[in-house]
N, C-alpha and C. Protein backbone atom coordinates (compact mmCIF):
# COMPACT_ATOMS: atom_id res chain seq x y z
N UNK A 1 160.47 15.76 34.77
CA UNK A 1 159.19 16.41 34.65
C UNK A 1 158.69 16.84 36.04
N UNK A 2 158.99 16.01 37.03
CA UNK A 2 158.59 16.39 38.38
C UNK A 2 159.38 17.61 38.85
N UNK A 3 160.63 17.74 38.40
CA UNK A 3 161.43 18.90 38.80
C UNK A 3 160.88 20.20 38.21
N UNK A 4 160.03 20.11 37.19
CA UNK A 4 159.39 21.29 36.61
C UNK A 4 158.07 21.61 37.31
N UNK A 5 157.71 20.80 38.32
CA UNK A 5 156.52 21.10 39.12
C UNK A 5 155.27 20.32 38.78
N UNK A 6 155.40 19.31 37.93
CA UNK A 6 154.23 18.50 37.57
C UNK A 6 154.20 17.22 38.37
N UNK A 7 152.99 16.78 38.72
CA UNK A 7 152.82 15.57 39.53
C UNK A 7 152.86 14.31 38.68
N UNK A 8 152.89 13.18 39.36
CA UNK A 8 152.97 11.90 38.67
C UNK A 8 151.78 11.65 37.74
N UNK A 9 150.60 12.03 38.18
CA UNK A 9 149.41 11.80 37.35
C UNK A 9 149.49 12.60 36.05
N UNK A 10 149.90 13.85 36.15
CA UNK A 10 150.05 14.69 34.95
C UNK A 10 151.14 14.12 34.03
N UNK A 11 152.24 13.72 34.62
CA UNK A 11 153.34 13.17 33.83
C UNK A 11 152.91 11.88 33.12
N UNK A 12 152.19 11.04 33.83
CA UNK A 12 151.71 9.78 33.24
C UNK A 12 150.78 10.08 32.06
N UNK A 13 149.86 11.00 32.25
CA UNK A 13 148.92 11.36 31.18
C UNK A 13 149.68 11.92 29.97
N UNK A 14 150.69 12.73 30.21
CA UNK A 14 151.49 13.31 29.13
C UNK A 14 152.20 12.21 28.34
N UNK A 15 152.83 11.28 29.04
CA UNK A 15 153.55 10.20 28.38
C UNK A 15 152.61 9.23 27.68
N UNK A 16 151.41 9.05 28.21
CA UNK A 16 150.42 8.18 27.57
C UNK A 16 150.06 8.69 26.18
N UNK A 17 150.04 10.00 26.01
CA UNK A 17 149.70 10.59 24.71
C UNK A 17 150.71 10.23 23.63
N UNK A 18 151.93 9.92 24.04
CA UNK A 18 152.97 9.59 23.07
C UNK A 18 152.79 8.19 22.50
N UNK A 19 152.06 7.35 23.20
CA UNK A 19 151.89 5.98 22.73
C UNK A 19 153.05 5.10 23.14
N UNK A 20 153.14 3.94 22.51
CA UNK A 20 154.19 2.98 22.85
C UNK A 20 155.57 3.41 22.40
N UNK A 21 156.56 2.74 22.93
CA UNK A 21 157.96 3.02 22.59
C UNK A 21 158.30 2.32 21.28
N UNK A 22 158.94 3.05 20.40
CA UNK A 22 159.39 2.49 19.13
C UNK A 22 160.82 2.96 18.89
N UNK A 23 161.75 2.03 18.83
CA UNK A 23 163.15 2.37 18.64
C UNK A 23 163.44 2.36 17.14
N UNK A 24 164.01 3.47 16.67
CA UNK A 24 164.36 3.59 15.25
C UNK A 24 165.75 4.18 15.13
N UNK A 25 166.27 4.10 13.95
CA UNK A 25 167.56 4.73 13.67
C UNK A 25 167.33 6.23 13.53
N UNK A 26 168.25 7.04 14.03
CA UNK A 26 168.15 8.48 13.87
C UNK A 26 168.46 8.83 12.42
N UNK A 27 167.55 9.51 11.77
CA UNK A 27 167.72 9.89 10.38
C UNK A 27 167.95 11.39 10.27
N UNK A 28 168.80 11.78 9.40
CA UNK A 28 168.99 13.19 9.10
C UNK A 28 170.10 13.83 9.91
N UNK A 29 170.79 14.74 9.26
CA UNK A 29 171.91 15.42 9.90
C UNK A 29 171.45 16.39 10.98
N UNK A 30 170.27 17.00 10.80
CA UNK A 30 169.80 17.99 11.77
C UNK A 30 169.59 17.34 13.15
N UNK A 31 168.98 16.17 13.16
CA UNK A 31 168.74 15.48 14.44
C UNK A 31 170.04 15.15 15.14
N UNK A 32 170.99 14.60 14.38
CA UNK A 32 172.28 14.21 14.96
C UNK A 32 173.04 15.45 15.42
N UNK A 33 173.00 16.51 14.64
CA UNK A 33 173.67 17.75 15.01
C UNK A 33 173.10 18.30 16.32
N UNK A 34 171.78 18.26 16.46
CA UNK A 34 171.15 18.72 17.69
C UNK A 34 171.60 17.93 18.90
N UNK A 35 171.69 16.63 18.75
CA UNK A 35 172.17 15.78 19.85
C UNK A 35 173.62 16.09 20.19
N UNK A 36 174.45 16.29 19.17
CA UNK A 36 175.85 16.63 19.41
C UNK A 36 175.99 17.97 20.11
N UNK A 37 175.19 18.96 19.71
CA UNK A 37 175.24 20.27 20.37
C UNK A 37 174.83 20.17 21.83
N UNK A 38 173.80 19.37 22.10
CA UNK A 38 173.36 19.19 23.48
C UNK A 38 174.47 18.53 24.29
N UNK A 39 175.11 17.51 23.74
CA UNK A 39 176.19 16.83 24.43
C UNK A 39 177.33 17.79 24.74
N UNK A 40 177.70 18.62 23.76
CA UNK A 40 178.76 19.61 23.99
C UNK A 40 178.38 20.59 25.09
N UNK A 41 177.12 20.99 25.10
CA UNK A 41 176.63 21.91 26.13
C UNK A 41 176.75 21.28 27.52
N UNK A 42 176.36 20.02 27.63
CA UNK A 42 176.37 19.35 28.93
C UNK A 42 177.78 19.18 29.49
N UNK A 43 178.76 18.95 28.63
CA UNK A 43 180.13 18.77 29.11
C UNK A 43 180.69 20.04 29.71
N UNK A 44 180.12 21.19 29.35
CA UNK A 44 180.61 22.48 29.86
C UNK A 44 180.01 22.85 31.21
N UNK A 45 179.01 22.09 31.67
CA UNK A 45 178.32 22.43 32.91
C UNK A 45 178.93 21.66 34.07
N UNK A 46 179.57 22.37 35.00
CA UNK A 46 180.11 21.65 36.17
C UNK A 46 178.95 21.30 37.11
N UNK A 47 178.86 20.05 37.49
CA UNK A 47 177.78 19.63 38.38
C UNK A 47 178.26 18.48 39.25
N UNK A 48 177.76 18.46 40.46
CA UNK A 48 178.05 17.33 41.34
C UNK A 48 177.43 16.08 40.75
N UNK A 49 178.08 14.96 40.92
CA UNK A 49 177.59 13.72 40.34
C UNK A 49 176.18 13.39 40.82
N UNK A 50 175.89 13.56 42.10
CA UNK A 50 174.57 13.22 42.62
C UNK A 50 173.47 14.12 42.06
N UNK A 51 173.80 15.36 41.78
CA UNK A 51 172.79 16.29 41.28
C UNK A 51 172.97 16.57 39.79
N UNK A 52 173.89 15.87 39.15
CA UNK A 52 174.21 16.13 37.76
C UNK A 52 173.03 16.07 36.83
N UNK A 53 172.21 15.03 36.94
CA UNK A 53 171.10 14.90 35.99
C UNK A 53 170.10 16.02 36.15
N UNK A 54 169.76 16.39 37.38
CA UNK A 54 168.81 17.49 37.58
C UNK A 54 169.36 18.80 37.03
N UNK A 55 170.63 19.05 37.28
CA UNK A 55 171.26 20.28 36.79
C UNK A 55 171.28 20.27 35.26
N UNK A 56 171.68 19.14 34.68
CA UNK A 56 171.75 19.06 33.22
C UNK A 56 170.38 19.20 32.59
N UNK A 57 169.37 18.55 33.15
CA UNK A 57 168.00 18.68 32.61
C UNK A 57 167.54 20.13 32.67
N UNK A 58 167.81 20.77 33.79
CA UNK A 58 167.42 22.17 33.96
C UNK A 58 168.07 23.03 32.88
N UNK A 59 169.37 22.88 32.71
CA UNK A 59 170.11 23.71 31.75
C UNK A 59 169.70 23.43 30.30
N UNK A 60 169.61 22.16 29.93
CA UNK A 60 169.29 21.81 28.55
C UNK A 60 167.89 22.30 28.18
N UNK A 61 166.95 22.24 29.10
CA UNK A 61 165.59 22.67 28.81
C UNK A 61 165.44 24.18 28.77
N UNK A 62 166.52 24.90 28.99
CA UNK A 62 166.50 26.35 28.89
C UNK A 62 167.42 26.86 27.78
N UNK A 63 167.79 25.95 26.88
CA UNK A 63 168.57 26.30 25.68
C UNK A 63 167.62 26.30 24.49
N UNK A 64 167.64 27.37 23.73
CA UNK A 64 166.75 27.44 22.55
C UNK A 64 167.12 26.37 21.54
N UNK A 65 166.09 25.76 20.95
CA UNK A 65 166.30 24.75 19.91
C UNK A 65 165.04 24.64 19.07
N UNK A 66 165.11 23.81 18.05
CA UNK A 66 163.95 23.56 17.19
C UNK A 66 163.28 22.29 17.67
N UNK A 67 161.94 22.33 17.75
CA UNK A 67 161.19 21.17 18.22
C UNK A 67 160.00 20.92 17.31
N UNK A 68 159.66 19.64 17.19
CA UNK A 68 158.49 19.27 16.38
C UNK A 68 157.25 19.91 16.97
N UNK A 69 156.41 20.46 16.10
CA UNK A 69 155.17 21.08 16.54
C UNK A 69 155.27 22.56 16.85
N UNK A 70 156.48 23.11 16.78
CA UNK A 70 156.69 24.54 17.08
C UNK A 70 157.52 25.17 15.98
N UNK A 71 157.22 26.41 15.68
CA UNK A 71 157.94 27.15 14.64
C UNK A 71 159.23 27.74 15.19
N UNK A 72 160.28 27.69 14.42
CA UNK A 72 161.53 28.34 14.77
C UNK A 72 162.18 27.79 16.03
N UNK A 73 163.03 28.59 16.62
CA UNK A 73 163.74 28.20 17.83
C UNK A 73 162.93 28.60 19.06
N UNK A 74 162.78 27.67 19.98
CA UNK A 74 161.99 27.89 21.18
C UNK A 74 162.74 27.35 22.40
N UNK A 75 162.27 27.73 23.57
CA UNK A 75 162.80 27.17 24.81
C UNK A 75 161.96 25.94 25.17
N UNK A 76 162.58 24.76 25.29
CA UNK A 76 161.83 23.54 25.59
C UNK A 76 160.95 23.66 26.83
N UNK A 77 161.43 24.31 27.87
CA UNK A 77 160.65 24.41 29.10
C UNK A 77 159.34 25.17 28.87
N UNK A 78 159.36 26.17 28.00
CA UNK A 78 158.14 26.93 27.71
C UNK A 78 157.17 26.10 26.86
N UNK A 79 157.72 25.36 25.90
CA UNK A 79 156.86 24.51 25.05
C UNK A 79 156.24 23.38 25.86
N UNK A 80 157.01 22.81 26.78
CA UNK A 80 156.49 21.75 27.63
C UNK A 80 155.35 22.28 28.49
N UNK A 81 155.53 23.48 29.03
CA UNK A 81 154.47 24.10 29.83
C UNK A 81 153.22 24.30 28.99
N UNK A 82 153.38 24.79 27.77
CA UNK A 82 152.22 25.00 26.88
C UNK A 82 151.54 23.67 26.56
N UNK A 83 152.33 22.63 26.30
CA UNK A 83 151.77 21.30 26.05
C UNK A 83 150.97 20.80 27.25
N UNK A 84 151.52 20.98 28.43
CA UNK A 84 150.84 20.51 29.65
C UNK A 84 149.55 21.30 29.87
N UNK A 85 149.57 22.61 29.63
CA UNK A 85 148.37 23.42 29.80
C UNK A 85 147.28 23.00 28.81
N UNK A 86 147.68 22.72 27.56
CA UNK A 86 146.71 22.24 26.56
C UNK A 86 146.14 20.89 26.98
N UNK A 87 147.00 20.02 27.48
CA UNK A 87 146.55 18.69 27.89
C UNK A 87 145.55 18.78 29.05
N UNK A 88 145.88 19.58 30.05
CA UNK A 88 144.99 19.74 31.21
C UNK A 88 143.68 20.37 30.78
N UNK A 89 143.72 21.38 29.92
CA UNK A 89 142.50 22.02 29.44
C UNK A 89 141.65 21.03 28.66
N UNK A 90 142.29 20.21 27.83
CA UNK A 90 141.58 19.20 27.05
C UNK A 90 140.92 18.17 27.94
N UNK A 91 141.60 17.77 28.99
CA UNK A 91 141.03 16.79 29.92
C UNK A 91 139.87 17.40 30.69
N UNK A 92 139.96 18.69 31.01
CA UNK A 92 138.86 19.35 31.70
C UNK A 92 137.64 19.44 30.80
N UNK A 93 137.87 19.71 29.49
CA UNK A 93 136.77 19.75 28.52
C UNK A 93 136.12 18.38 28.40
N UNK A 94 136.94 17.31 28.37
CA UNK A 94 136.41 15.95 28.30
C UNK A 94 135.57 15.64 29.53
N UNK A 95 136.07 16.04 30.70
CA UNK A 95 135.37 15.79 31.95
C UNK A 95 134.04 16.55 31.98
N UNK A 96 134.04 17.80 31.53
CA UNK A 96 132.81 18.59 31.50
C UNK A 96 131.81 17.96 30.54
N UNK A 97 132.30 17.50 29.39
CA UNK A 97 131.42 16.83 28.43
C UNK A 97 130.85 15.55 29.01
N UNK A 98 131.65 14.81 29.73
CA UNK A 98 131.22 13.57 30.39
C UNK A 98 130.11 13.88 31.40
N UNK A 99 130.31 14.92 32.23
CA UNK A 99 129.30 15.30 33.22
C UNK A 99 128.01 15.77 32.56
N UNK A 100 128.14 16.52 31.44
CA UNK A 100 126.95 16.96 30.70
C UNK A 100 126.16 15.76 30.17
N UNK A 101 126.87 14.76 29.68
CA UNK A 101 126.22 13.56 29.16
C UNK A 101 125.46 12.83 30.27
N UNK A 102 126.08 12.75 31.44
CA UNK A 102 125.43 12.08 32.58
C UNK A 102 124.17 12.83 32.99
N UNK A 103 124.27 14.16 33.03
CA UNK A 103 123.12 14.97 33.43
C UNK A 103 121.97 14.82 32.42
N UNK A 104 122.30 14.75 31.14
CA UNK A 104 121.27 14.59 30.11
C UNK A 104 120.60 13.25 30.20
N UNK A 105 121.32 12.23 30.62
CA UNK A 105 120.76 10.89 30.71
C UNK A 105 119.89 10.70 31.94
N UNK A 106 120.05 11.56 32.95
CA UNK A 106 119.27 11.37 34.18
C UNK A 106 117.97 12.16 34.16
């Protein structure tokens, strides 16, 4: 997430929205097929071992796929950017509302 230009505070806020970690069994052929396709894609990318993860993350996030909350096939990097923009806008609205409440009370 930092390699996409977001700071630690933004990343923390984004992950906080997901809630706690819950490990479950992967259900459905579509989910497993998507993971297999991603794995096949990654094996085709030559990358230095030290930079492998950054290169792989970059490439995978620029492959069209289906994601929860979005219609059809999308680019993950674009959807992540839209999610982050919505989150930041929402936090700014909350902050403005908080300041308005303080001003009304004084």
